[in-house]
Amino acid sequence: MAHFVGLKPNSKAVKATEEFENKVSVRRNNRRLQGKVYTDIADDQWAVSIAYNMVKEPGLWGSENDFEVKYSYTPQTGDVVNRLETSDGDEVPVPAESFPGPDEFVIWALQKESALLHSV
């Protein structure tokens, strides 16, 4: 289940996070990883982080956060979202229009991540 800090998400954002966590997975190093969504919304910066962990059966334990991605956005600038991927450590700017609110940003980030995963 997603973890929201600084945001009481609307129903569309909750639905988008649930669908992402339930349907989107990534294969890395011959393992299937499932994402868990974290949001951190403050006045000066919004962030959506996705921690990908091994899909495992109940009772089995493995390492945490095999792969992480973070989308960060500064509402005052309103034209670029930065995407940070832990596997390469580079922060890449992603062009974006300004978002009317944090809920729309969360939905956009999850859609963008899903599209990137499906294009690989």
PDB file of N, CA and C in Angstrom:
ATOM      1  N   MET A   1       0.832  -1.178   0.000  1.00  0.00           N
ATOM      2  CA  MET A   1       0.000   0.000   0.000  1.00  0.00           C
ATOM      3  C   MET A   1       0.877   1.242   0.000  1.00  0.00           C
ATOM      4  N   ALA A   2       0.466   2.236  -0.753  1.00  0.00           N
ATOM      5  CA  ALA A   2       1.230   3.476  -0.885  1.00  0.00           C
ATOM      6  C   ALA A   2       1.311   4.209   0.446  1.00  0.00           C
ATOM      7  N   HIS A   3       2.329   5.035   0.558  1.00  0.00           N
ATOM      8  CA  HIS A   3       2.540   5.829   1.763  1.00  0.00           C
ATOM      9  C   HIS A   3       2.545   7.303   1.360  1.00  0.00           C
ATOM     10  N   PHE A   4       1.596   8.067   1.878  1.00  0.00           N
ATOM     11  CA  PHE A   4       1.468   9.480   1.527  1.00  0.00           C
ATOM     12  C   PHE A   4       1.888  10.348   2.709  1.00  0.00           C
ATOM     13  N   VAL A   5       2.829  11.258   2.470  1.00  0.00           N
ATOM     14  CA  VAL A   5       3.250  12.231   3.474  1.00  0.00           C
ATOM     15  C   VAL A   5       2.934  13.616   2.930  1.00  0.00           C
ATOM     16  N   GLY A   6       2.206  14.408   3.693  1.00  0.00           N
ATOM     17  CA  GLY A   6       1.891  15.775   3.292  1.00  0.00           C
ATOM     18  C   GLY A   6       0.783  15.870   2.262  1.00  0.00           C
ATOM     19  N   LEU A   7       0.047  14.791   2.047  1.00  0.00           N
ATOM     20  CA  LEU A   7      -1.003  14.790   1.030  1.00  0.00           C
ATOM     21  C   LEU A   7      -2.126  13.866   1.465  1.00  0.00           C
ATOM     22  N   LYS A   8      -3.330  14.390   1.424  1.00  0.00           N
ATOM     23  CA  LYS A   8      -4.522  13.549   1.555  1.00  0.00           C
ATOM     24  C   LYS A   8      -5.031  13.391   0.131  1.00  0.00           C
ATOM     25  N   PRO A   9      -4.663  12.283  -0.524  1.00  0.00           N
ATOM     26  CA  PRO A   9      -4.918  12.153  -1.957  1.00  0.00           C
ATOM     27  C   PRO A   9      -6.406  12.041  -2.294  1.00  0.00           C
ATOM     28  N   ASN A  10      -6.745  12.562  -3.467  1.00  0.00           N
ATOM     29  CA  ASN A  10      -8.113  12.401  -3.939  1.00  0.00           C
ATOM     30  C   ASN A  10      -8.282  10.977  -4.477  1.00  0.00           C
ATOM     31  N   SER A  11      -9.498  10.627  -4.858  1.00  0.00           N
ATOM     32  CA  SER A  11      -9.786   9.248  -5.272  1.00  0.00           C
ATOM     33  C   SER A  11      -9.028   8.845  -6.533  1.00  0.00           C
ATOM     34  N   LYS A  12      -8.799   9.796  -7.446  1.00  0.00           N
ATOM     35  CA  LYS A  12      -8.063   9.473  -8.676  1.00  0.00           C
ATOM     36  C   LYS A  12      -6.607   9.134  -8.367  1.00  0.00           C
ATOM     37  N   ALA A  13      -5.984   9.874  -7.460  1.00  0.00           N
ATOM     38  CA  ALA A  13      -4.594   9.600  -7.088  1.00  0.00           C
ATOM     39  C   ALA A  13      -4.479   8.279  -6.344  1.00  0.00           C
ATOM     40  N   VAL A  14      -5.433   7.981  -5.473  1.00  0.00           N
ATOM     41  CA  VAL A  14      -5.426   6.706  -4.756  1.00  0.00           C
ATOM     42  C   VAL A  14      -5.576   5.555  -5.744  1.00  0.00           C
ATOM     43  N   LYS A  15      -6.497   5.690  -6.689  1.00  0.00           N
ATOM     44  CA  LYS A  15      -6.715   4.643  -7.691  1.00  0.00           C
ATOM     45  C   LYS A  15      -5.463   4.447  -8.550  1.00  0.00           C
ATOM     46  N   ALA A  16      -4.819   5.551  -8.954  1.00  0.00           N
ATOM     47  CA  ALA A  16      -3.608   5.458  -9.776  1.00  0.00           C
ATOM     48  C   ALA A  16      -2.491   4.744  -9.030  1.00  0.00           C
ATOM     49  N   THR A  17      -2.308   5.044  -7.747  1.00  0.00           N
ATOM     50  CA  THR A  17      -1.248   4.384  -6.980  1.00  0.00           C
ATOM     51  C   THR A  17      -1.561   2.906  -6.773  1.00  0.00           C
ATOM     52  N   GLU A  18      -2.814   2.582  -6.487  1.00  0.00           N
ATOM     53  CA  GLU A  18      -3.182   1.174  -6.296  1.00  0.00           C
ATOM     54  C   GLU A  18      -2.981   0.381  -7.581  1.00  0.00           C
ATOM     55  N   GLU A  19      -3.397   0.949  -8.708  1.00  0.00           N
ATOM     56  CA  GLU A  19      -3.207   0.264  -9.984  1.00  0.00           C
ATOM     57  C   GLU A  19      -1.725   0.086 -10.300  1.00  0.00           C
ATOM     58  N   PHE A  20      -0.928   1.112 -10.027  1.00  0.00           N
ATOM     59  CA  PHE A  20       0.505   1.016 -10.292  1.00  0.00           C
ATOM     60  C   PHE A  20       1.124  -0.098  -9.451  1.00  0.00           C
ATOM     61  N   GLU A  21       0.821  -0.091  -8.159  1.00  0.00           N
ATOM     62  CA  GLU A  21       1.415  -1.090  -7.269  1.00  0.00           C
ATOM     63  C   GLU A  21       0.953  -2.506  -7.597  1.00  0.00           C
ATOM     64  N   ASN A  22      -0.268  -2.650  -8.085  1.00  0.00           N
ATOM     65  CA  ASN A  22      -0.806  -3.984  -8.364  1.00  0.00           C
ATOM     66  C   ASN A  22      -0.467  -4.504  -9.758  1.00  0.00           C
ATOM     67  N   LYS A  23      -0.256  -3.619 -10.722  1.00  0.00           N
ATOM     68  CA  LYS A  23      -0.102  -4.059 -12.112  1.00  0.00           C
ATOM     69  C   LYS A  23       1.289  -3.879 -12.700  1.00  0.00           C
ATOM     70  N   VAL A  24       2.051  -2.938 -12.190  1.00  0.00           N
ATOM     71  CA  VAL A  24       3.347  -2.626 -12.806  1.00  0.00           C
ATOM     72  C   VAL A  24       4.466  -3.369 -12.084  1.00  0.00           C
ATOM     73  N   SER A  25       5.283  -4.046 -12.866  1.00  0.00           N
ATOM     74  CA  SER A  25       6.471  -4.690 -12.318  1.00  0.00           C
ATOM     75  C   SER A  25       7.601  -4.510 -13.318  1.00  0.00           C
ATOM     76  N   VAL A  26       8.808  -4.728 -12.834  1.00  0.00           N
ATOM     77  CA  VAL A  26       9.982  -4.574 -13.680  1.00  0.00           C
ATOM     78  C   VAL A  26      10.883  -5.793 -13.474  1.00  0.00           C
ATOM     79  N   ARG A  27      11.543  -6.197 -14.539  1.00  0.00           N
ATOM     80  CA  ARG A  27      12.503  -7.291 -14.422  1.00  0.00           C
ATOM     81  C   ARG A  27      13.912  -6.705 -14.418  1.00  0.00           C
ATOM     82  N   ARG A  28      14.665  -7.037 -13.391  1.00  0.00           N
ATOM     83  CA  ARG A  28      16.052  -6.601 -13.278  1.00  0.00           C
ATOM     84  C   ARG A  28      16.855  -7.763 -12.714  1.00  0.00           C
ATOM     85  N   ASN A  29      17.969  -8.051 -13.370  1.00  0.00           N
ATOM     86  CA  ASN A  29      18.856  -9.135 -12.926  1.00  0.00           C
ATOM     87  C   ASN A  29      18.088 -10.450 -12.746  1.00  0.00           C
ATOM     88  N   ASN A  30      17.253 -10.770 -13.722  1.00  0.00           N
ATOM     89  CA  ASN A  30      16.479 -12.015 -13.726  1.00  0.00           C
ATOM     90  C   ASN A  30      15.536 -12.151 -12.533  1.00  0.00           C
ATOM     91  N   ARG A  31      15.097 -11.030 -11.998  1.00  0.00           N
ATOM     92  CA  ARG A  31      14.136 -11.042 -10.900  1.00  0.00           C
ATOM     93  C   ARG A  31      12.984 -10.105 -11.233  1.00  0.00           C
ATOM     94  N   ARG A  32      11.813 -10.445 -10.775  1.00  0.00           N
ATOM     95  CA  ARG A  32      10.648  -9.594 -10.967  1.00  0.00           C
ATOM     96  C   ARG A  32      10.498  -8.710  -9.736  1.00  0.00           C
ATOM     97  N   LEU A  33      10.481  -7.396  -9.955  1.00  0.00           N
ATOM     98  CA  LEU A  33      10.373  -6.436  -8.861  1.00  0.00           C
ATOM     99  C   LEU A  33       9.040  -5.704  -8.941  1.00  0.00           C
ATOM    100  N   GLN A  34       8.399  -5.550  -7.813  1.00  0.00           N
ATOM    101  CA  GLN A  34       7.125  -4.853  -7.712  1.00  0.00           C
ATOM    102  C   GLN A  34       7.364  -3.519  -7.011  1.00  0.00           C
ATOM    103  N   GLY A  35       6.691  -2.462  -7.482  1.00  0.00           N
ATOM    104  CA  GLY A  35       6.904  -1.130  -6.933  1.00  0.00           C
ATOM    105  C   GLY A  35       5.980  -0.786  -5.784  1.00  0.00           C
ATOM    106  N   LYS A  36       6.496  -0.013  -4.835  1.00  0.00           N
ATOM    107  CA  LYS A  36       5.706   0.578  -3.757  1.00  0.00           C
ATOM    108  C   LYS A  36       5.889   2.090  -3.863  1.00  0.00           C
ATOM    109  N   VAL A  37       4.779   2.822  -3.818  1.00  0.00           N
ATOM    110  CA  VAL A  37       4.795   4.257  -4.054  1.00  0.00           C
ATOM    111  C   VAL A  37       4.845   5.014  -2.727  1.00  0.00           C
ATOM    112  N   TYR A  38       5.711   6.019  -2.681  1.00  0.00           N
ATOM    113  CA  TYR A  38       5.812   6.927  -1.545  1.00  0.00           C
ATOM    114  C   TYR A  38       5.692   8.348  -2.080  1.00  0.00           C
ATOM    115  N   THR A  39       4.922   9.175  -1.422  1.00  0.00           N
ATOM    116  CA  THR A  39       4.854  10.582  -1.823  1.00  0.00           C
ATOM    117  C   THR A  39       5.288  11.449  -0.651  1.00  0.00           C
ATOM    118  N   ASP A  40       5.936  12.546  -0.975  1.00  0.00           N
ATOM    119  CA  ASP A  40       6.361  13.520   0.023  1.00  0.00           C
ATOM    120  C   ASP A  40       6.040  14.896  -0.544  1.00  0.00           C
ATOM    121  N   ILE A  41       4.966  15.491  -0.073  1.00  0.00           N
ATOM    122  CA  ILE A  41       4.493  16.757  -0.597  1.00  0.00           C
ATOM    123  C   ILE A  41       4.728  17.855   0.436  1.00  0.00           C
ATOM    124  N   ALA A  42       5.537  18.826   0.061  1.00  0.00           N
ATOM    125  CA  ALA A  42       5.804  19.993   0.905  1.00  0.00           C
ATOM    126  C   ALA A  42       5.450  21.240   0.100  1.00  0.00           C
ATOM    127  N   ASP A  43       5.510  22.388   0.733  1.00  0.00           N
ATOM    128  CA  ASP A  43       5.168  23.633   0.040  1.00  0.00           C
ATOM    129  C   ASP A  43       6.129  23.943  -1.100  1.00  0.00           C
ATOM    130  N   ASP A  44       7.425  23.663  -0.894  1.00  0.00           N
ATOM    131  CA  ASP A  44       8.429  24.058  -1.876  1.00  0.00           C
ATOM    132  C   ASP A  44       8.876  22.936  -2.815  1.00  0.00           C
ATOM    133  N   GLN A  45       8.517  21.680  -2.528  1.00  0.00           N
ATOM    134  CA  GLN A  45       8.904  20.584  -3.419  1.00  0.00           C
ATOM    135  C   GLN A  45       7.947  19.407  -3.248  1.00  0.00           C
ATOM    136  N   TRP A  46       7.613  18.797  -4.376  1.00  0.00           N
ATOM    137  CA  TRP A  46       6.778  17.595  -4.390  1.00  0.00           C
ATOM    138  C   TRP A  46       7.639  16.450  -4.886  1.00  0.00           C
ATOM    139  N   ALA A  47       7.473  15.290  -4.288  1.00  0.00           N
ATOM    140  CA  ALA A  47       8.251  14.121  -4.713  1.00  0.00           C
ATOM    141  C   ALA A  47       7.392  12.866  -4.701  1.00  0.00           C
ATOM    142  N   VAL A  48       7.623  12.042  -5.696  1.00  0.00           N
ATOM    143  CA  VAL A  48       7.040  10.701  -5.769  1.00  0.00           C
ATOM    144  C   VAL A  48       8.213   9.750  -5.909  1.00  0.00           C
ATOM    145  N   SER A  49       8.324   8.828  -4.977  1.00  0.00           N
ATOM    146  CA  SER A  49       9.384   7.818  -5.028  1.00  0.00           C
ATOM    147  C   SER A  49       8.757   6.448  -5.198  1.00  0.00           C
ATOM    148  N   ILE A  50       9.431   5.619  -5.965  1.00  0.00           N
ATOM    149  CA  ILE A  50       8.965   4.259  -6.185  1.00  0.00           C
ATOM    150  C   ILE A  50      10.102   3.328  -5.801  1.00  0.00           C
ATOM    151  N   ALA A  51       9.847   2.492  -4.811  1.00  0.00           N
ATOM    152  CA  ALA A  51      10.832   1.516  -4.353  1.00  0.00           C
ATOM    153  C   ALA A  51      10.444   0.159  -4.912  1.00  0.00           C
ATOM    154  N   TYR A  52      11.309  -0.395  -5.746  1.00  0.00           N
ATOM    155  CA  TYR A  52      11.048  -1.696  -6.353  1.00  0.00           C
ATOM    156  C   TYR A  52      11.725  -2.774  -5.526  1.00  0.00           C
ATOM    157  N   ASN A  53      10.935  -3.759  -5.115  1.00  0.00           N
ATOM    158  CA  ASN A  53      11.440  -4.864  -4.313  1.00  0.00           C
ATOM    159  C   ASN A  53      11.052  -6.184  -4.952  1.00  0.00           C
ATOM    160  N   MET A  54      11.732  -7.225  -4.539  1.00  0.00           N
ATOM    161  CA  MET A  54      11.440  -8.548  -5.052  1.00  0.00           C
ATOM    162  C   MET A  54      10.028  -8.963  -4.680  1.00  0.00           C
ATOM    163  N   VAL A  55       9.368  -9.565  -5.636  1.00  0.00           N
ATOM    164  CA  VAL A  55       8.068 -10.162  -5.360  1.00  0.00           C
ATOM    165  C   VAL A  55       8.374 -11.502  -4.715  1.00  0.00           C
ATOM    166  N   LYS A  56       7.863 -11.686  -3.541  1.00  0.00           N
ATOM    167  CA  LYS A  56       8.196 -12.910  -2.826  1.00  0.00           C
ATOM    168  C   LYS A  56       6.951 -13.502  -2.173  1.00  0.00           C
ATOM    169  N   GLU A  57       6.997 -14.776  -1.956  1.00  0.00           N
ATOM    170  CA  GLU A  57       5.892 -15.461  -1.306  1.00  0.00           C
ATOM    171  C   GLU A  57       5.930 -15.157   0.180  1.00  0.00           C
ATOM    172  N   PRO A  58       4.773 -15.233   0.861  1.00  0.00           N
ATOM    173  CA  PRO A  58       4.759 -14.993   2.314  1.00  0.00           C
ATOM    174  C   PRO A  58       5.743 -15.892   3.042  1.00  0.00           C
ATOM    175  N   GLY A  59       6.424 -15.327   3.983  1.00  0.00           N
ATOM    176  CA  GLY A  59       7.375 -16.091   4.778  1.00  0.00           C
ATOM    177  C   GLY A  59       8.802 -16.032   4.271  1.00  0.00           C
ATOM    178  N   LEU A  60       9.024 -15.564   3.058  1.00  0.00           N
ATOM    179  CA  LEU A  60      10.378 -15.440   2.542  1.00  0.00           C
ATOM    180  C   LEU A  60      10.855 -14.007   2.726  1.00  0.00           C
ATOM    181  N   TRP A  61      12.134 -13.849   3.021  1.00  0.00           N
ATOM    182  CA  TRP A  61      12.695 -12.514   3.235  1.00  0.00           C
ATOM    183  C   TRP A  61      13.796 -12.263   2.230  1.00  0.00           C
ATOM    184  N   GLY A  62      13.906 -11.042   1.775  1.00  0.00           N
ATOM    185  CA  GLY A  62      14.952 -10.688   0.829  1.00  0.00           C
ATOM    186  C   GLY A  62      15.426  -9.271   1.084  1.00  0.00           C
ATOM    187  N   SER A  63      16.325  -8.825   0.242  1.00  0.00           N
ATOM    188  CA  SER A  63      16.834  -7.465   0.410  1.00  0.00           C
ATOM    189  C   SER A  63      15.752  -6.459   0.047  1.00  0.00           C
ATOM    190  N   GLU A  64      15.849  -5.289   0.604  1.00  0.00           N
ATOM    191  CA  GLU A  64      14.862  -4.237   0.355  1.00  0.00           C
ATOM    192  C   GLU A  64      15.369  -3.270  -0.699  1.00  0.00           C
ATOM    193  N   ASN A  65      14.444  -2.700  -1.428  1.00  0.00           N
ATOM    194  CA  ASN A  65      14.713  -1.654  -2.404  1.00  0.00           C
ATOM    195  C   ASN A  65      15.867  -1.993  -3.341  1.00  0.00           C
ATOM    196  N   ASP A  66      15.644  -2.992  -4.148  1.00  0.00           N
ATOM    197  CA  ASP A  66      16.635  -3.378  -5.145  1.00  0.00           C
ATOM    198  C   ASP A  66      16.853  -2.268  -6.172  1.00  0.00           C
ATOM    199  N   PHE A  67      15.842  -1.454  -6.354  1.00  0.00           N
ATOM    200  CA  PHE A  67      15.873  -0.420  -7.386  1.00  0.00           C
ATOM    201  C   PHE A  67      14.911   0.681  -6.964  1.00  0.00           C
ATOM    202  N   GLU A  68      15.321   1.933  -7.097  1.00  0.00           N
ATOM    203  CA  GLU A  68      14.468   3.053  -6.697  1.00  0.00           C
ATOM    204  C   GLU A  68      14.472   4.138  -7.769  1.00  0.00           C
ATOM    205  N   VAL A  69      13.337   4.819  -7.866  1.00  0.00           N
ATOM    206  CA  VAL A  69      13.180   5.938  -8.783  1.00  0.00           C
ATOM    207  C   VAL A  69      12.488   7.061  -8.026  1.00  0.00           C
ATOM    208  N   LYS A  70      12.930   8.297  -8.258  1.00  0.00           N
ATOM    209  CA  LYS A  70      12.314   9.443  -7.587  1.00  0.00           C
ATOM    210  C   LYS A  70      12.024  10.536  -8.617  1.00  0.00           C
ATOM    211  N   TYR A  71      10.798  11.014  -8.597  1.00  0.00           N
ATOM    212  CA  TYR A  71      10.394  12.160  -9.401  1.00  0.00           C
ATOM    213  C   TYR A  71      10.233  13.336  -8.451  1.00  0.00           C
ATOM    214  N   SER A  72      10.920  14.441  -8.722  1.00  0.00           N
ATOM    215  CA  SER A  72      10.789  15.621  -7.866  1.00  0.00           C
ATOM    216  C   SER A  72      10.422  16.835  -8.714  1.00  0.00           C
ATOM    217  N   TYR A  73       9.635  17.710  -8.116  1.00  0.00           N
ATOM    218  CA  TYR A  73       9.073  18.856  -8.836  1.00  0.00           C
ATOM    219  C   TYR A  73       9.002  20.037  -7.887  1.00  0.00           C
ATOM    220  N   THR A  74       9.410  21.191  -8.375  1.00  0.00           N
ATOM    221  CA  THR A  74       9.303  22.428  -7.604  1.00  0.00           C
ATOM    222  C   THR A  74       8.146  23.241  -8.177  1.00  0.00           C
ATOM    223  N   PRO A  75       7.062  23.399  -7.420  1.00  0.00           N
ATOM    224  CA  PRO A  75       5.875  24.076  -7.958  1.00  0.00           C
ATOM    225  C   PRO A  75       6.136  25.503  -8.440  1.00  0.00           C
ATOM    226  N   GLN A  76       7.108  26.185  -7.870  1.00  0.00           N
ATOM    227  CA  GLN A  76       7.381  27.564  -8.266  1.00  0.00           C
ATOM    228  C   GLN A  76       7.953  27.661  -9.676  1.00  0.00           C
ATOM    229  N   THR A  77       8.707  26.665 -10.119  1.00  0.00           N
ATOM    230  CA  THR A  77       9.298  26.720 -11.458  1.00  0.00           C
ATOM    231  C   THR A  77       8.321  26.233 -12.511  1.00  0.00           C
ATOM    232  N   GLY A  78       7.671  25.122 -12.248  1.00  0.00           N
ATOM    233  CA  GLY A  78       6.580  24.651 -13.062  1.00  0.00           C
ATOM    234  C   GLY A  78       6.863  24.175 -14.468  1.00  0.00           C
ATOM    235  N   ASP A  79       8.095  23.848 -14.822  1.00  0.00           N
ATOM    236  CA  ASP A  79       8.325  23.404 -16.190  1.00  0.00           C
ATOM    237  C   ASP A  79       9.190  22.156 -16.311  1.00  0.00           C
ATOM    238  N   VAL A  80       9.794  21.697 -15.247  1.00  0.00           N
ATOM    239  CA  VAL A  80      10.673  20.528 -15.313  1.00  0.00           C
ATOM    240  C   VAL A  80      10.458  19.646 -14.079  1.00  0.00           C
ATOM    241  N   VAL A  81      10.416  18.352 -14.333  1.00  0.00           N
ATOM    242  CA  VAL A  81      10.400  17.349 -13.273  1.00  0.00           C
ATOM    243  C   VAL A  81      11.723  16.617 -13.364  1.00  0.00           C
ATOM    244  N   ASN A  82      12.391  16.420 -12.249  1.00  0.00           N
ATOM    245  CA  ASN A  82      13.657  15.686 -12.242  1.00  0.00           C
ATOM    246  C   ASN A  82      13.396  14.233 -11.881  1.00  0.00           C
ATOM    247  N   ARG A  83      14.012  13.325 -12.647  1.00  0.00           N
ATOM    248  CA  ARG A  83      13.883  11.887 -12.403  1.00  0.00           C
ATOM    249  C   ARG A  83      15.249  11.346 -12.005  1.00  0.00           C
ATOM    250  N   LEU A  84      15.312  10.747 -10.836  1.00  0.00           N
ATOM    251  CA  LEU A  84      16.542  10.159 -10.318  1.00  0.00           C
ATOM    252  C   LEU A  84      16.359   8.654 -10.227  1.00  0.00           C
ATOM    253  N   GLU A  85      17.290   7.926 -10.811  1.00  0.00           N
ATOM    254  CA  GLU A  85      17.256   6.464 -10.788  1.00  0.00           C
ATOM    255  C   GLU A  85      18.485   5.978 -10.056  1.00  0.00           C
ATOM    256  N   THR A  86      18.306   5.109  -9.066  1.00  0.00           N
ATOM    257  CA  THR A  86      19.439   4.682  -8.249  1.00  0.00           C
ATOM    258  C   THR A  86      20.445   3.832  -8.999  1.00  0.00           C
ATOM    259  N   SER A  87      20.022   3.158 -10.065  1.00  0.00           N
ATOM    260  CA  SER A  87      20.971   2.289 -10.768  1.00  0.00           C
ATOM    261  C   SER A  87      22.077   3.070 -11.464  1.00  0.00           C
ATOM    262  N   ASP A  88      21.767   4.293 -11.922  1.00  0.00           N
ATOM    263  CA  ASP A  88      22.820   5.080 -12.564  1.00  0.00           C
ATOM    264  C   ASP A  88      23.186   6.342 -11.787  1.00  0.00           C
ATOM    265  N   GLY A  89      22.340   6.756 -10.859  1.00  0.00           N
ATOM    266  CA  GLY A  89      22.648   7.909 -10.011  1.00  0.00           C
ATOM    267  C   GLY A  89      22.539   9.255 -10.682  1.00  0.00           C
ATOM    268  N   ASP A  90      22.095   9.283 -11.937  1.00  0.00           N
ATOM    269  CA  ASP A  90      21.976  10.550 -12.649  1.00  0.00           C
ATOM    270  C   ASP A  90      20.558  11.098 -12.538  1.00  0.00           C
ATOM    271  N   GLU A  91      20.467  12.392 -12.303  1.00  0.00           N
ATOM    272  CA  GLU A  91      19.179  13.065 -12.270  1.00  0.00           C
ATOM    273  C   GLU A  91      18.919  13.627 -13.658  1.00  0.00           C
ATOM    274  N   VAL A  92      17.820  13.203 -14.266  1.00  0.00           N
ATOM    275  CA  VAL A  92      17.499  13.579 -15.635  1.00  0.00           C
ATOM    276  C   VAL A  92      16.279  14.493 -15.627  1.00  0.00           C
ATOM    277  N   PRO A  93      16.372  15.673 -16.251  1.00  0.00           N
ATOM    278  CA  PRO A  93      15.195  16.539 -16.322  1.00  0.00           C
ATOM    279  C   PRO A  93      14.186  16.001 -17.337  1.00  0.00           C
ATOM    280  N   VAL A  94      12.922  16.025 -16.949  1.00  0.00           N
ATOM    281  CA  VAL A  94      11.835  15.584 -17.815  1.00  0.00           C
ATOM    282  C   VAL A  94      10.916  16.773 -18.039  1.00  0.00           C
ATOM    283  N   PRO A  95      10.745  17.211 -19.294  1.00  0.00           N
ATOM    284  CA  PRO A  95       9.866  18.360 -19.542  1.00  0.00           C
ATOM    285  C   PRO A  95       8.429  18.056 -19.101  1.00  0.00           C
ATOM    286  N   ALA A  96       7.809  19.040 -18.481  1.00  0.00           N
ATOM    287  CA  ALA A  96       6.429  18.883 -18.016  1.00  0.00           C
ATOM    288  C   ALA A  96       5.777  20.250 -17.941  1.00  0.00           C
ATOM    289  N   GLU A  97       4.468  20.248 -18.016  1.00  0.00           N
ATOM    290  CA  GLU A  97       3.726  21.482 -17.800  1.00  0.00           C
ATOM    291  C   GLU A  97       3.475  21.616 -16.310  1.00  0.00           C
ATOM    292  N   SER A  98       3.089  22.800 -15.877  1.00  0.00           N
ATOM    293  CA  SER A  98       2.816  22.969 -14.450  1.00  0.00           C
ATOM    294  C   SER A  98       1.579  22.143 -14.072  1.00  0.00           C
ATOM    295  N   PHE A  99       1.558  21.682 -12.852  1.00  0.00           N
ATOM    296  CA  PHE A  99       0.475  20.846 -12.356  1.00  0.00           C
ATOM    297  C   PHE A  99      -0.443  21.682 -11.477  1.00  0.00           C
ATOM    298  N   PRO A 100      -1.754  21.519 -11.622  1.00  0.00           N
ATOM    299  CA  PRO A 100      -2.678  22.302 -10.801  1.00  0.00           C
ATOM    300  C   PRO A 100      -2.602  21.952  -9.317  1.00  0.00           C
ATOM    301  N   GLY A 101      -2.167  20.742  -9.012  1.00  0.00           N
ATOM    302  CA  GLY A 101      -2.057  20.323  -7.613  1.00  0.00           C
ATOM    303  C   GLY A 101      -1.222  19.072  -7.492  1.00  0.00           C
ATOM    304  N   PRO A 102      -0.895  18.691  -6.261  1.00  0.00           N
ATOM    305  CA  PRO A 102      -0.041  17.522  -6.057  1.00  0.00           C
ATOM    306  C   PRO A 102      -0.673  16.206  -6.512  1.00  0.00           C
ATOM    307  N   ASP A 103      -1.996  16.102  -6.449  1.00  0.00           N
ATOM    308  CA  ASP A 103      -2.646  14.870  -6.912  1.00  0.00           C
ATOM    309  C   ASP A 103      -2.347  14.622  -8.389  1.00  0.00           C
ATOM    310  N   GLU A 104      -2.434  15.660  -9.185  1.00  0.00           N
ATOM    311  CA  GLU A 104      -2.156  15.540 -10.619  1.00  0.00           C
ATOM    312  C   GLU A 104      -0.699  15.184 -10.875  1.00  0.00           C
ATOM    313  N   PHE A 105       0.198  15.721 -10.043  1.00  0.00           N
ATOM    314  CA  PHE A 105       1.616  15.386 -10.165  1.00  0.00           C
ATOM    315  C   PHE A 105       1.851  13.902  -9.870  1.00  0.00           C
ATOM    316  N   VAL A 106       1.225  13.387  -8.827  1.00  0.00           N
ATOM    317  CA  VAL A 106       1.374  11.973  -8.472  1.00  0.00           C
ATOM    318  C   VAL A 106       0.906  11.092  -9.629  1.00  0.00           C
ATOM    319  N   ILE A 107      -0.263  11.403 -10.181  1.00  0.00           N
ATOM    320  CA  ILE A 107      -0.800  10.632 -11.296  1.00  0.00           C
ATOM    321  C   ILE A 107       0.125  10.700 -12.503  1.00  0.00           C
ATOM    322  N   TRP A 108       0.624  11.900 -12.814  1.00  0.00           N
ATOM    323  CA  TRP A 108       1.529  12.088 -13.957  1.00  0.00           C
ATOM    324  C   TRP A 108       2.805  11.264 -13.775  1.00  0.00           C
ATOM    325  N   ALA A 109       3.403  11.320 -12.583  1.00  0.00           N
ATOM    326  CA  ALA A 109       4.662  10.605 -12.328  1.00  0.00           C
ATOM    327  C   ALA A 109       4.472   9.100 -12.487  1.00  0.00           C
ATOM    328  N   LEU A 110       3.368   8.576 -11.991  1.00  0.00           N
ATOM    329  CA  LEU A 110       3.118   7.140 -12.113  1.00  0.00           C
ATOM    330  C   LEU A 110       2.862   6.736 -13.564  1.00  0.00           C
ATOM    331  N   GLN A 111       2.149   7.569 -14.296  1.00  0.00           N
ATOM    332  CA  GLN A 111       1.928   7.287 -15.714  1.00  0.00           C
ATOM    333  C   GLN A 111       3.238   7.338 -16.492  1.00  0.00           C
ATOM    334  N   LYS A 112       4.075   8.311 -16.179  1.00  0.00           N
ATOM    335  CA  LYS A 112       5.369   8.451 -16.850  1.00  0.00           C
ATOM    336  C   LYS A 112       6.254   7.237 -16.569  1.00  0.00           C
ATOM    337  N   GLU A 113       6.313   6.817 -15.310  1.00  0.00           N
ATOM    338  CA  GLU A 113       7.136   5.670 -14.943  1.00  0.00           C
ATOM    339  C   GLU A 113       6.624   4.399 -15.625  1.00  0.00           C
ATOM    340  N   SER A 114       5.327   4.213 -15.630  1.00  0.00           N
ATOM    341  CA  SER A 114       4.742   3.057 -16.294  1.00  0.00           C
ATOM    342  C   SER A 114       5.079   3.055 -17.783  1.00  0.00           C
ATOM    343  N   ALA A 115       4.976   4.198 -18.424  1.00  0.00           N
ATOM    344  CA  ALA A 115       5.292   4.311 -19.857  1.00  0.00           C
ATOM    345  C   ALA A 115       6.775   4.010 -20.114  1.00  0.00           C
ATOM    346  N   LEU A 116       7.659   4.502 -19.239  1.00  0.00           N
ATOM    347  CA  LEU A 116       9.087   4.229 -19.401  1.00  0.00           C
ATOM    348  C   LEU A 116       9.396   2.740 -19.250  1.00  0.00           C
ATOM    349  N   LEU A 117       8.758   2.096 -18.316  1.00  0.00           N
ATOM    350  CA  LEU A 117       8.994   0.671 -18.093  1.00  0.00           C
ATOM    351  C   LEU A 117       8.491  -0.161 -19.259  1.00  0.00           C
ATOM    352  N   HIS A 118       7.379   0.251 -19.844  1.00  0.00           N
ATOM    353  CA  HIS A 118       6.812  -0.514 -20.956  1.00  0.00           C
ATOM    354  C   HIS A 118       7.515  -0.238 -22.278  1.00  0.00           C
ATOM    355  N   SER A 119       8.297   0.828 -22.338  1.00  0.00           N
ATOM    356  CA  SER A 119       9.002   1.139 -23.580  1.00  0.00           C
ATOM    357  C   SER A 119      10.349   0.435 -23.663  1.00  0.00           C
ATOM    358  N   VAL A 120      10.796  -0.145 -22.567  1.00  0.00           N
ATOM    359  CA  VAL A 120      12.105  -0.821 -22.527  1.00  0.00           C
ATOM    360  C   VAL A 120      11.992  -2.222 -23.037  1.00  0.00           C
TER     361      VAL A 120
END
